[in-house]
C-alpha atoms as a PDB file:
ATOM      1  CA  MET A   1      83.630  -5.292 295.488  1.00  0.00           C
ATOM      2  CA  ALA A   2      83.243  -1.611 294.719  1.00  0.00           C
ATOM      3  CA  MET A   3      79.819  -1.652 296.372  1.00  0.00           C
ATOM      4  CA  ALA A   4      81.269  -3.163 299.574  1.00  0.00           C
ATOM      5  CA  VAL A   5      84.037  -0.566 299.696  1.00  0.00           C
ATOM      6  CA  ALA A   6      81.504   2.219 299.199  1.00  0.00           C
ATOM      7  CA  GLN A   7      79.341   0.897 302.029  1.00  0.00           C
ATOM      8  CA  LYS A   8      82.312   0.684 304.402  1.00  0.00           C
ATOM      9  CA  PHE A   9      83.374   4.202 303.446  1.00  0.00           C
ATOM     10  CA  SER A  10      79.827   5.427 304.080  1.00  0.00           C
ATOM     11  CA  HIS A  11      79.797   3.777 307.507  1.00  0.00           C
ATOM     12  CA  LEU A  12      83.163   5.364 308.316  1.00  0.00           C
ATOM     13  CA  LEU A  13      81.917   8.827 307.374  1.00  0.00           C
ATOM     14  CA  SER A  14      78.773   8.292 309.428  1.00  0.00           C
ATOM     15  CA  SER A  15      80.819   7.239 312.472  1.00  0.00           C
ATOM     16  CA  LEU A  16      83.114  10.234 312.115  1.00  0.00           C
ATOM     17  CA  TRP A  17      80.096  12.528 311.865  1.00  0.00           C
ATOM     18  CA  HIS A  18      78.601  11.130 315.085  1.00  0.00           C
ATOM     19  CA  VAL A  19      81.924  11.484 316.889  1.00  0.00           C
ATOM     20  CA  GLY A  20      82.162  15.063 315.703  1.00  0.00           C
ATOM     21  CA  GLN A  21      78.650  15.765 316.884  1.00  0.00           C
ATOM     22  CA  GLU A  22      79.443  14.358 320.338  1.00  0.00           C
ATOM     23  CA  SER A  23      82.642  16.364 320.588  1.00  0.00           C
ATOM     24  CA  VAL A  24      80.857  19.637 319.899  1.00  0.00           C
ATOM     25  CA  ARG A  25      77.839  18.835 322.062  1.00  0.00           C
ATOM     26  CA  PRO A  26      77.431  21.833 324.371  1.00  0.00           C
ATOM     27  CA  GLU A  27      77.989  21.510 328.081  1.00  0.00           C
ATOM     28  CA  PRO A  28      74.808  21.608 330.176  1.00  0.00           C
ATOM     29  CA  VAL A  29      73.713  25.015 331.377  1.00  0.00           C
ATOM     30  CA  PHE A  30      74.366  25.049 335.110  1.00  0.00           C
ATOM     31  CA  THR A  31      72.895  28.449 335.977  1.00  0.00           C
ATOM     32  CA  VAL A  32      70.022  30.625 334.828  1.00  0.00           C
ATOM     33  CA  ASP A  33      68.628  34.012 335.757  1.00  0.00           C
ATOM     34  CA  ARG A  34      66.014  34.495 338.443  1.00  0.00           C
ATOM     35  CA  ALA A  35      63.219  34.955 335.903  1.00  0.00           C
ATOM     36  CA  GLU A  36      63.684  31.338 334.780  1.00  0.00           C
ATOM     37  CA  VAL A  37      62.939  29.743 338.171  1.00  0.00           C
ATOM     38  CA  PRO A  38      59.763  29.945 340.303  1.00  0.00           C
ATOM     39  CA  PRO A  39      59.563  32.693 342.949  1.00  0.00           C
ATOM     40  CA  LEU A  40      59.965  30.039 345.652  1.00  0.00           C
ATOM     41  CA  PHE A  41      63.668  29.867 344.775  1.00  0.00           C
ATOM     42  CA  TRP A  42      64.303  33.600 344.666  1.00  0.00           C
ATOM     43  CA  LYS A  43      66.737  35.163 347.104  1.00  0.00           C
ATOM     44  CA  PRO A  44      66.535  38.837 348.031  1.00  0.00           C
ATOM     45  CA  TYR A  45      68.866  40.978 345.892  1.00  0.00           C
ATOM     46  CA  ILE A  46      70.225  37.920 344.007  1.00  0.00           C
ATOM     47  CA  TYR A  47      69.268  37.987 340.321  1.00  0.00           C
ATOM     48  CA  ALA A  48      71.473  35.307 338.759  1.00  0.00           C
ATOM     49  CA  GLY A  49      73.280  32.073 339.537  1.00  0.00           C
ATOM     50  CA  TYR A  50      70.166  29.931 339.966  1.00  0.00           C
ATOM     51  CA  ARG A  51      70.190  26.327 338.817  1.00  0.00           C
ATOM     52  CA  PRO A  52      67.493  25.059 336.443  1.00  0.00           C
ATOM     53  CA  LEU A  53      64.828  22.741 337.816  1.00  0.00           C
ATOM     54  CA  HIS A  54      63.896  19.169 336.925  1.00  0.00           C
ATOM     55  CA  ARG A  55      67.333  17.922 335.954  1.00  0.00           C
ATOM     56  CA  THR A  56      68.791  14.585 337.012  1.00  0.00           C
ATOM     57  CA  TRP A  57      70.195  14.061 340.486  1.00  0.00           C
ATOM     58  CA  ARG A  58      73.573  13.601 338.840  1.00  0.00           C
ATOM     59  CA  PHE A  59      73.296  17.118 337.427  1.00  0.00           C
ATOM     60  CA  TYR A  60      72.843  18.643 340.883  1.00  0.00           C
ATOM     61  CA  PHE A  61      75.688  16.641 342.355  1.00  0.00           C
ATOM     62  CA  ARG A  62      77.856  17.897 339.498  1.00  0.00           C
ATOM     63  CA  THR A  63      77.018  21.461 340.498  1.00  0.00           C
ATOM     64  CA  LEU A  64      79.093  20.860 343.608  1.00  0.00           C
ATOM     65  CA  PHE A  65      82.030  21.846 341.403  1.00  0.00           C
ATOM     66  CA  GLN A  66      80.303  24.676 339.528  1.00  0.00           C
ATOM     67  CA  GLN A  67      79.744  28.334 340.322  1.00  0.00           C
ATOM     68  CA  HIS A  68      76.182  29.159 341.373  1.00  0.00           C
ATOM     69  CA  ASN A  69      74.512  31.128 344.127  1.00  0.00           C
ATOM     70  CA  GLU A  70      74.457  28.172 346.543  1.00  0.00           C
ATOM     71  CA  ALA A  71      78.012  26.939 345.974  1.00  0.00           C
ATOM     72  CA  VAL A  72      79.616  28.776 348.895  1.00  0.00           C
ATOM     73  CA  ASN A  73      76.773  27.745 351.205  1.00  0.00           C
ATOM     74  CA  VAL A  74      77.387  24.117 350.276  1.00  0.00           C
ATOM     75  CA  TRP A  75      81.156  24.184 350.683  1.00  0.00           C
ATOM     76  CA  THR A  76      81.282  26.098 353.972  1.00  0.00           C
ATOM     77  CA  HIS A  77      79.234  23.449 355.736  1.00  0.00           C
ATOM     78  CA  LEU A  78      80.526  20.489 353.739  1.00  0.00           C
ATOM     79  CA  LEU A  79      84.151  21.183 354.646  1.00  0.00           C
ATOM     80  CA  ALA A  80      83.197  21.760 358.271  1.00  0.00           C
ATOM     81  CA  ALA A  81      81.233  18.491 358.310  1.00  0.00           C
ATOM     82  CA  LEU A  82      84.240  16.599 356.963  1.00  0.00           C
ATOM     83  CA  ALA A  83      86.448  18.199 359.616  1.00  0.00           C
ATOM     84  CA  LEU A  84      83.984  17.168 362.315  1.00  0.00           C
ATOM     85  CA  LEU A  85      83.858  13.646 360.938  1.00  0.00           C
ATOM     86  CA  LEU A  86      87.603  13.472 361.464  1.00  0.00           C
ATOM     87  CA  ARG A  87      87.151  14.960 364.943  1.00  0.00           C
ATOM     88  CA  LEU A  88      84.534  12.336 365.710  1.00  0.00           C
ATOM     89  CA  ALA A  89      86.859   9.552 364.575  1.00  0.00           C
ATOM     90  CA  ILE A  90      89.636  10.886 366.814  1.00  0.00           C
ATOM     91  CA  PHE A  91      87.203  11.242 369.681  1.00  0.00           C
ATOM     92  CA  VAL A  92      85.971   7.656 369.332  1.00  0.00           C
ATOM     93  CA  GLY A  93      89.564   6.456 369.340  1.00  0.00           C
ATOM     94  CA  THR A  94      90.657   8.417 372.413  1.00  0.00           C
ATOM     95  CA  VAL A  95      87.620   8.468 374.710  1.00  0.00           C
ATOM     96  CA  ASP A  96      86.225   5.420 376.444  1.00  0.00           C
ATOM     97  CA  LEU A  97      82.588   5.705 375.437  1.00  0.00           C
ATOM     98  CA  LEU A  98      81.607   2.407 377.010  1.00  0.00           C
ATOM     99  CA  GLY A  99      83.602   2.772 380.193  1.00  0.00           C
ATOM    100  CA  ASP A 100      83.034   6.464 380.908  1.00  0.00           C
ATOM    101  CA  PRO A 101      79.365   7.312 381.529  1.00  0.00           C
ATOM    102  CA  HIS A 102      80.178  11.021 381.342  1.00  0.00           C
ATOM    103  CA  ALA A 103      81.484  10.850 377.761  1.00  0.00           C
ATOM    104  CA  LEU A 104      78.146  10.316 376.010  1.00  0.00           C
ATOM    105  CA  PRO A 105      77.062  14.001 375.972  1.00  0.00           C
ATOM    106  CA  LEU A 106      80.349  14.862 374.276  1.00  0.00           C
ATOM    107  CA  PHE A 107      79.700  12.252 371.612  1.00  0.00           C
ATOM    108  CA  ILE A 108      76.155  13.581 371.138  1.00  0.00           C
ATOM    109  CA  ILE A 109      77.265  17.190 370.581  1.00  0.00           C
ATOM    110  CA  VAL A 110      79.909  16.146 368.041  1.00  0.00           C
ATOM    111  CA  PHE A 111      77.392  13.908 366.265  1.00  0.00           C
ATOM    112  CA  ALA A 112      74.724  16.635 366.366  1.00  0.00           C
ATOM    113  CA  SER A 113      77.160  19.168 364.921  1.00  0.00           C
ATOM    114  CA  PHE A 114      78.058  16.827 362.077  1.00  0.00           C
ATOM    115  CA  THR A 115      74.352  16.184 361.471  1.00  0.00           C
ATOM    116  CA  TYR A 116      73.327  19.807 361.093  1.00  0.00           C
ATOM    117  CA  LEU A 117      76.326  20.648 358.907  1.00  0.00           C
ATOM    118  CA  SER A 118      75.820  17.696 356.565  1.00  0.00           C
ATOM    119  CA  PHE A 119      72.045  18.233 356.340  1.00  0.00           C
ATOM    120  CA  SER A 120      72.633  21.899 355.546  1.00  0.00           C
ATOM    121  CA  ALA A 121      75.157  21.073 352.822  1.00  0.00           C
ATOM    122  CA  LEU A 122      72.732  18.573 351.275  1.00  0.00           C
ATOM    123  CA  ALA A 123      69.866  21.053 351.397  1.00  0.00           C
ATOM    124  CA  HIS A 124      71.788  23.812 349.656  1.00  0.00           C
ATOM    125  CA  LEU A 125      73.188  21.397 347.077  1.00  0.00           C
ATOM    126  CA  LEU A 126      70.010  19.541 346.097  1.00  0.00           C
ATOM    127  CA  GLN A 127      67.105  21.893 346.832  1.00  0.00           C
ATOM    128  CA  ALA A 128      66.961  23.142 343.234  1.00  0.00           C
ATOM    129  CA  LYS A 129      65.701  19.782 341.944  1.00  0.00           C
ATOM    130  CA  SER A 130      62.042  20.821 342.172  1.00  0.00           C
ATOM    131  CA  GLU A 131      59.635  22.736 344.354  1.00  0.00           C
ATOM    132  CA  PHE A 132      58.830  19.621 346.375  1.00  0.00           C
ATOM    133  CA  TRP A 133      62.477  18.808 346.972  1.00  0.00           C
ATOM    134  CA  HIS A 134      63.204  22.437 347.808  1.00  0.00           C
ATOM    135  CA  TYR A 135      60.736  22.245 350.670  1.00  0.00           C
ATOM    136  CA  SER A 136      61.775  18.746 351.712  1.00  0.00           C
ATOM    137  CA  PHE A 137      65.508  19.369 351.863  1.00  0.00           C
ATOM    138  CA  PHE A 138      65.108  22.547 353.852  1.00  0.00           C
ATOM    139  CA  PHE A 139      62.778  20.716 356.227  1.00  0.00           C
ATOM    140  CA  LEU A 140      65.643  18.239 356.642  1.00  0.00           C
ATOM    141  CA  ASP A 141      67.957  21.178 357.279  1.00  0.00           C
ATOM    142  CA  TYR A 142      65.680  22.358 360.095  1.00  0.00           C
ATOM    143  CA  VAL A 143      65.702  18.863 361.605  1.00  0.00           C
ATOM    144  CA  GLY A 144      69.484  19.082 361.722  1.00  0.00           C
ATOM    145  CA  VAL A 145      69.284  22.459 363.445  1.00  0.00           C
ATOM    146  CA  ALA A 146      66.915  21.051 366.081  1.00  0.00           C
ATOM    147  CA  VAL A 147      69.244  18.124 366.736  1.00  0.00           C
ATOM    148  CA  TYR A 148      72.152  20.532 367.119  1.00  0.00           C
ATOM    149  CA  GLN A 149      70.179  22.791 369.452  1.00  0.00           C
ATOM    150  CA  TYR A 150      69.447  19.944 371.820  1.00  0.00           C
ATOM    151  CA  GLY A 151      73.013  18.645 371.579  1.00  0.00           C
ATOM    152  CA  SER A 152      74.332  22.090 372.471  1.00  0.00           C
ATOM    153  CA  ALA A 153      71.969  22.393 375.408  1.00  0.00           C
ATOM    154  CA  LEU A 154      73.010  18.978 376.692  1.00  0.00           C
ATOM    155  CA  ALA A 155      76.743  19.689 376.425  1.00  0.00           C
ATOM    156  CA  HIS A 156      76.405  23.046 378.177  1.00  0.00           C
ATOM    157  CA  PHE A 157      74.185  21.592 380.883  1.00  0.00           C
ATOM    158  CA  TYR A 158      76.480  18.651 381.470  1.00  0.00           C
ATOM    159  CA  TYR A 159      79.975  20.125 381.262  1.00  0.00           C
ATOM    160  CA  ALA A 160      79.861  23.924 381.354  1.00  0.00           C
ATOM    161  CA  ILE A 161      77.270  24.571 384.043  1.00  0.00           C
ATOM    162  CA  GLU A 162      78.100  25.920 387.491  1.00  0.00           C
ATOM    163  CA  PRO A 163      76.579  24.158 390.526  1.00  0.00           C
ATOM    164  CA  ALA A 164      74.523  27.225 391.480  1.00  0.00           C
ATOM    165  CA  TRP A 165      72.827  27.418 388.075  1.00  0.00           C
ATOM    166  CA  HIS A 166      72.427  23.650 387.971  1.00  0.00           C
ATOM    167  CA  ALA A 167      70.499  23.743 391.243  1.00  0.00           C
ATOM    168  CA  ARG A 168      68.070  26.270 389.763  1.00  0.00           C
ATOM    169  CA  VAL A 169      67.350  24.692 386.393  1.00  0.00           C
ATOM    170  CA  GLN A 170      68.061  20.967 386.653  1.00  0.00           C
ATOM    171  CA  ALA A 171      64.385  19.988 386.893  1.00  0.00           C
ATOM    172  CA  ILE A 172      63.327  21.745 383.684  1.00  0.00           C
ATOM    173  CA  PHE A 173      66.423  22.407 381.592  1.00  0.00           C
ATOM    174  CA  LEU A 174      66.663  19.334 379.375  1.00  0.00           C
ATOM    175  CA  PRO A 175      62.905  18.821 378.828  1.00  0.00           C
ATOM    176  CA  MET A 176      62.583  22.501 377.905  1.00  0.00           C
ATOM    177  CA  ALA A 177      65.605  22.234 375.615  1.00  0.00           C
ATOM    178  CA  ALA A 178      64.029  19.276 373.816  1.00  0.00           C
ATOM    179  CA  PHE A 179      60.676  21.055 373.505  1.00  0.00           C
ATOM    180  CA  LEU A 180      62.194  24.301 372.227  1.00  0.00           C
ATOM    181  CA  ALA A 181      64.372  22.427 369.735  1.00  0.00           C
ATOM    182  CA  TRP A 182      61.263  20.738 368.345  1.00  0.00           C
ATOM    183  CA  LEU A 183      59.359  24.043 368.396  1.00  0.00           C
ATOM    184  CA  SER A 184      62.190  25.714 366.501  1.00  0.00           C
ATOM    185  CA  CYS A 185      62.075  22.981 363.860  1.00  0.00           C
ATOM    186  CA  THR A 186      58.292  23.227 363.625  1.00  0.00           C
ATOM    187  CA  GLY A 187      58.328  27.015 363.353  1.00  0.00           C
ATOM    188  CA  SER A 188      61.004  26.980 360.662  1.00  0.00           C
ATOM    189  CA  CYS A 189      59.211  24.279 358.663  1.00  0.00           C
ATOM    190  CA  TYR A 190      55.899  26.110 358.966  1.00  0.00           C
ATOM    191  CA  ASN A 191      57.472  29.391 357.905  1.00  0.00           C
ATOM    192  CA  LYS A 192      58.935  27.692 354.839  1.00  0.00           C
ATOM    193  CA  TYR A 193      55.576  26.054 354.114  1.00  0.00           C
ATOM    194  CA  ILE A 194      53.425  29.192 354.300  1.00  0.00           C
ATOM    195  CA  GLN A 195      55.966  31.359 352.456  1.00  0.00           C
ATOM    196  CA  LYS A 196      54.745  34.549 354.133  1.00  0.00           C
ATOM    197  CA  PRO A 197      57.434  37.225 354.299  1.00  0.00           C
ATOM    198  CA  GLY A 198      57.210  39.753 357.069  1.00  0.00           C
ATOM    199  CA  LEU A 199      56.442  39.636 360.769  1.00  0.00           C
ATOM    200  CA  LEU A 200      54.485  36.370 360.806  1.00  0.00           C
ATOM    201  CA  GLY A 201      57.180  34.376 359.050  1.00  0.00           C
ATOM    202  CA  ARG A 202      59.991  35.843 361.130  1.00  0.00           C
ATOM    203  CA  THR A 203      58.030  35.202 364.315  1.00  0.00           C
ATOM    204  CA  CYS A 204      57.456  31.541 363.439  1.00  0.00           C
ATOM    205  CA  GLN A 205      61.118  30.933 362.702  1.00  0.00           C
ATOM    206  CA  GLU A 206      63.142  33.316 364.808  1.00  0.00           C
ATOM    207  CA  VAL A 207      61.254  33.521 368.115  1.00  0.00           C
ATOM    208  CA  PRO A 208      61.449  29.764 368.910  1.00  0.00           C
ATOM    209  CA  SER A 209      65.089  29.727 367.812  1.00  0.00           C
ATOM    210  CA  ALA A 210      65.876  32.720 370.013  1.00  0.00           C
ATOM    211  CA  LEU A 211      64.155  31.115 373.003  1.00  0.00           C
ATOM    212  CA  ALA A 212      66.013  27.861 372.412  1.00  0.00           C
ATOM    213  CA  TYR A 213      69.344  29.647 372.207  1.00  0.00           C
ATOM    214  CA  ALA A 214      68.631  31.710 375.328  1.00  0.00           C
ATOM    215  CA  LEU A 215      68.018  28.533 377.305  1.00  0.00           C
ATOM    216  CA  ASP A 216      70.829  26.519 375.737  1.00  0.00           C
ATOM    217  CA  ILE A 217      73.498  29.171 376.303  1.00  0.00           C
ATOM    218  CA  SER A 218      72.368  30.146 379.814  1.00  0.00           C
ATOM    219  CA  PRO A 219      74.848  27.828 381.618  1.00  0.00           C
ATOM    220  CA  VAL A 220      77.681  29.362 379.617  1.00  0.00           C
ATOM    221  CA  VAL A 221      76.582  32.961 380.197  1.00  0.00           C
ATOM    222  CA  HIS A 222      76.110  32.324 383.913  1.00  0.00           C
ATOM    223  CA  ARG A 223      79.556  30.783 384.147  1.00  0.00           C
ATOM    224  CA  ILE A 224      81.178  33.678 382.280  1.00  0.00           C
ATOM    225  CA  LEU A 225      79.520  36.151 384.648  1.00  0.00           C
ATOM    226  CA  VAL A 226      80.326  34.422 387.936  1.00  0.00           C
ATOM    227  CA  SER A 227      83.578  32.605 387.248  1.00  0.00           C
ATOM    228  CA  PRO A 228      86.484  33.934 389.319  1.00  0.00           C
ATOM    229  CA  HIS A 229      88.996  32.436 386.881  1.00  0.00           C
ATOM    230  CA  SER A 230      90.697  34.282 384.044  1.00  0.00           C
ATOM    231  CA  ASP A 231      90.862  32.960 380.500  1.00  0.00           C
ATOM    232  CA  THR A 232      94.425  31.793 381.102  1.00  0.00           C
ATOM    233  CA  GLU A 233      93.406  29.869 384.216  1.00  0.00           C
ATOM    234  CA  ASP A 234      90.361  28.385 382.491  1.00  0.00           C
ATOM    235  CA  PRO A 235      91.048  28.187 378.718  1.00  0.00           C
ATOM    236  CA  ALA A 236      87.563  26.860 378.016  1.00  0.00           C
ATOM    237  CA  LEU A 237      86.121  30.219 379.066  1.00  0.00           C
ATOM    238  CA  LEU A 238      87.805  31.952 376.138  1.00  0.00           C
ATOM    239  CA  TYR A 239      86.318  29.465 373.687  1.00  0.00           C
ATOM    240  CA  HIS A 240      82.900  29.859 375.293  1.00  0.00           C
ATOM    241  CA  LYS A 241      83.125  33.631 374.896  1.00  0.00           C
ATOM    242  CA  CYS A 242      84.132  33.160 371.270  1.00  0.00           C
ATOM    243  CA  GLN A 243      81.210  30.872 370.546  1.00  0.00           C
ATOM    244  CA  VAL A 244      78.775  33.455 371.940  1.00  0.00           C
ATOM    245  CA  VAL A 245      80.283  36.261 369.850  1.00  0.00           C
ATOM    246  CA  PHE A 246      80.376  34.130 366.702  1.00  0.00           C
ATOM    247  CA  PHE A 247      76.761  33.080 367.160  1.00  0.00           C
ATOM    248  CA  LEU A 248      75.530  36.634 367.627  1.00  0.00           C
ATOM    249  CA  LEU A 249      77.389  37.716 364.496  1.00  0.00           C
ATOM    250  CA  ALA A 250      75.925  34.762 362.607  1.00  0.00           C
ATOM    251  CA  ALA A 251      72.413  35.683 363.747  1.00  0.00           C
ATOM    252  CA  ALA A 252      72.931  39.283 362.640  1.00  0.00           C
ATOM    253  CA  PHE A 253      73.944  38.285 359.116  1.00  0.00           C
ATOM    254  CA  PHE A 254      71.140  35.708 358.921  1.00  0.00           C
ATOM    255  CA  SER A 255      68.507  38.328 359.681  1.00  0.00           C
ATOM    256  CA  THR A 256      69.665  41.367 357.734  1.00  0.00           C
ATOM    257  CA  PHE A 257      70.609  40.257 354.174  1.00  0.00           C
ATOM    258  CA  VAL A 258      73.808  42.254 354.188  1.00  0.00           C
ATOM    259  CA  PRO A 259      75.966  42.954 352.288  1.00  0.00           C
ATOM    260  CA  GLU A 260      73.851  41.947 349.260  1.00  0.00           C
ATOM    261  CA  ARG A 261      71.193  44.556 350.049  1.00  0.00           C
ATOM    262  CA  TRP A 262      73.927  47.178 349.597  1.00  0.00           C
ATOM    263  CA  PHE A 263      75.011  45.726 346.236  1.00  0.00           C
ATOM    264  CA  PRO A 264      71.882  44.329 344.537  1.00  0.00           C
ATOM    265  CA  GLY A 265      72.706  41.972 341.706  1.00  0.00           C
ATOM    266  CA  SER A 266      76.425  41.828 342.502  1.00  0.00           C
ATOM    267  CA  CYS A 267      76.570  38.962 345.017  1.00  0.00           C
ATOM    268  CA  HIS A 268      75.117  36.057 343.081  1.00  0.00           C
ATOM    269  CA  VAL A 269      78.175  33.843 343.760  1.00  0.00           C
ATOM    270  CA  PHE A 270      80.150  35.505 346.554  1.00  0.00           C
ATOM    271  CA  GLY A 271      79.318  38.028 349.241  1.00  0.00           C
ATOM    272  CA  GLN A 272      75.867  36.943 350.411  1.00  0.00           C
ATOM    273  CA  GLY A 273      74.907  37.447 354.029  1.00  0.00           C
ATOM    274  CA  HIS A 274      73.850  33.817 354.311  1.00  0.00           C
ATOM    275  CA  GLN A 275      77.359  32.781 353.344  1.00  0.00           C
ATOM    276  CA  VAL A 276      78.813  34.954 356.107  1.00  0.00           C
ATOM    277  CA  PHE A 277      76.212  33.455 358.452  1.00  0.00           C
ATOM    278  CA  HIS A 278      77.494  29.989 357.544  1.00  0.00           C
ATOM    279  CA  VAL A 279      81.097  30.964 358.229  1.00  0.00           C
ATOM    280  CA  PHE A 280      80.357  32.449 361.646  1.00  0.00           C
ATOM    281  CA  LEU A 281      78.152  29.493 362.546  1.00  0.00           C
ATOM    282  CA  VAL A 282      80.983  27.102 361.702  1.00  0.00           C
ATOM    283  CA  LEU A 283      83.364  29.168 363.835  1.00  0.00           C
ATOM    284  CA  CYS A 284      80.803  29.112 366.644  1.00  0.00           C
ATOM    285  CA  THR A 285      80.515  25.331 366.422  1.00  0.00           C
ATOM    286  CA  LEU A 286      84.274  24.778 366.366  1.00  0.00           C
ATOM    287  CA  ALA A 287      84.790  27.080 369.360  1.00  0.00           C
ATOM    288  CA  GLN A 288      81.949  25.373 371.199  1.00  0.00           C
ATOM    289  CA  LEU A 289      83.348  21.887 370.609  1.00  0.00           C
ATOM    290  CA  GLU A 290      86.781  22.958 371.775  1.00  0.00           C
ATOM    291  CA  ALA A 291      85.258  24.504 374.893  1.00  0.00           C
ATOM    292  CA  VAL A 292      83.157  21.502 375.896  1.00  0.00           C
ATOM    293  CA  THR A 293      86.056  19.138 375.184  1.00  0.00           C
ATOM    294  CA  LEU A 294      88.245  21.147 377.549  1.00  0.00           C
ATOM    295  CA  ASP A 295      85.430  21.165 380.102  1.00  0.00           C
ATOM    296  CA  TYR A 296      85.011  17.406 379.770  1.00  0.00           C
ATOM    297  CA  GLU A 297      88.696  16.913 380.474  1.00  0.00           C
ATOM    298  CA  ALA A 298      89.255  19.535 383.172  1.00  0.00           C
ATOM    299  CA  ARG A 299      85.963  19.976 385.044  1.00  0.00           C
ATOM    300  CA  ARG A 300      85.242  16.393 386.047  1.00  0.00           C
ATOM    301  CA  PRO A 301      85.423  17.261 389.776  1.00  0.00           C
ATOM    302  CA  VAL A 302      82.696  19.858 389.123  1.00  0.00           C
ATOM    303  CA  TYR A 303      80.271  18.035 386.845  1.00  0.00           C
ATOM    304  CA  GLU A 304      80.635  14.461 388.079  1.00  0.00           C
ATOM    305  CA  PRO A 305      78.861  15.076 391.429  1.00  0.00           C
ATOM    306  CA  LEU A 306      76.116  17.031 389.637  1.00  0.00           C
ATOM    307  CA  HIS A 307      75.141  14.151 387.373  1.00  0.00           C
ATOM    308  CA  THR A 308      75.359  11.120 389.611  1.00  0.00           C
ATOM    309  CA  ARG A 309      71.556  10.992 389.530  1.00  0.00           C
ATOM    310  CA  CYS A 310      70.145  12.787 386.507  1.00  0.00           C
ATOM    311  CA  PRO A 311      66.493  13.811 386.912  1.00  0.00           C
ATOM    312  CA  HIS A 312      65.904  13.086 383.209  1.00  0.00           C
ATOM    313  CA  ASN A 313      67.228  10.568 380.722  1.00  0.00           C
ATOM    314  CA  PHE A 314      69.110  12.832 378.327  1.00  0.00           C
ATOM    315  CA  SER A 315      69.555  10.058 375.739  1.00  0.00           C
ATOM    316  CA  ALA A 316      65.810   9.436 375.605  1.00  0.00           C
ATOM    317  CA  LEU A 317      65.169  13.165 375.249  1.00  0.00           C
ATOM    318  CA  PHE A 318      67.700  13.295 372.422  1.00  0.00           C
ATOM    319  CA  LEU A 319      65.927  10.483 370.582  1.00  0.00           C
ATOM    320  CA  LEU A 320      62.581  12.154 371.267  1.00  0.00           C
ATOM    321  CA  THR A 321      63.869  15.409 369.777  1.00  0.00           C
ATOM    322  CA  VAL A 322      65.135  13.620 366.688  1.00  0.00           C
ATOM    323  CA  GLY A 323      61.982  11.561 366.236  1.00  0.00           C
ATOM    324  CA  SER A 324      59.513  14.396 366.768  1.00  0.00           C
ATOM    325  CA  SER A 325      61.448  16.724 364.458  1.00  0.00           C
ATOM    326  CA  VAL A 326      61.680  14.105 361.708  1.00  0.00           C
ATOM    327  CA  LEU A 327      57.964  13.359 362.047  1.00  0.00           C
ATOM    328  CA  THR A 328      57.089  17.055 361.872  1.00  0.00           C
ATOM    329  CA  ALA A 329      59.223  17.544 358.769  1.00  0.00           C
ATOM    330  CA  PHE A 330      57.656  14.487 357.143  1.00  0.00           C
ATOM    331  CA  LEU A 331      54.099  15.656 357.850  1.00  0.00           C
ATOM    332  CA  LEU A 332      54.847  19.119 356.475  1.00  0.00           C
ATOM    333  CA  SER A 333      56.378  17.556 353.367  1.00  0.00           C
ATOM    334  CA  GLN A 334      53.138  15.660 352.788  1.00  0.00           C
ATOM    335  CA  LEU A 335      51.203  18.918 353.062  1.00  0.00           C
ATOM    336  CA  VAL A 336      53.581  20.380 350.502  1.00  0.00           C
ATOM    337  CA  ARG A 337      52.991  17.442 348.174  1.00  0.00           C
ATOM    338  CA  ARG A 338      49.246  17.964 348.453  1.00  0.00           C
ATOM    339  CA  LYS A 339      49.541  21.711 347.889  1.00  0.00           C
ATOM    340  CA  LEU A 340      51.698  21.256 344.808  1.00  0.00           C
ATOM    341  CA  SER A 341      49.420  18.578 343.360  1.00  0.00           C
ATOM    342  CA  GLU A 342      46.408  20.865 343.783  1.00  0.00           C
ATOM    343  CA  LYS A 343      48.292  23.678 342.081  1.00  0.00           C
ATOM    344  CA  THR A 344      48.954  21.541 339.011  1.00  0.00           C
ATOM    345  CA  LYS A 345      45.318  20.451 338.588  1.00  0.00           C
END
């Protein structure tokens, strides 16, 4: 009897000890200094707030609610993506997609905007998993950007364009937009793959993107320059002007690494130029969507005669842009896999 009581008491003490051990088990370390991650993950002037590699996927999803140097980048685009998802649901409920042949470009630009925002949020959230996934998720991010570039070009060409500019560019606009969107994706993926800072890397990424934007925004710029209407007479014009200003500000912060270059080591959670870039890009997208929605509703007498016989199938070009960009990203990811496997031999 005494032996049985002693055994039960021993088991009780053992259970209490294990419970105590679990209760004092330390929380996982969510961030480390720059020296503890490979140089691939380093950001200019950011020395802390990095997440450790090779943890579980659950760990990285948990970091959605932790402070680290990608947290603001994730949330800026995640919240915008959720807002656009709601916008898309409202749009589907109020616009006759099947009955109105002129509504499809509007659906494509909303869908493309949601795509690039959600892909960007995923990339910034999960890229710290490993070197391979860092490359792969940012390749996915660049696919989203290419999809958005073509969607923007299509919406501007379809709704915002003036007849005079349409007559000049209709034969080449959409095919060139699709090609430049793919080229932008390819250049960005290649720049990430070669990891060469300086002129070569910037040329690969920024020149195709600049060319794509110059073409995509040309109907808007032409309309702003020649339109006889004021912003009050044509409210969409004000939103178009805002989207141009917001994009140029976003591009400036993307390229210059300010303000963190002014405060090295002080912006590991807040205050990075890429975060400001995200904010202005979201504002650009929201202004753009408002503008093209107003154009869709108010400019039907202008755009309907222009697109009775489209010289190119814009839906096919959209699918071609998506497919070619995805294929390019996949092929580059396989090159990354090979490069990393050779490095570990």
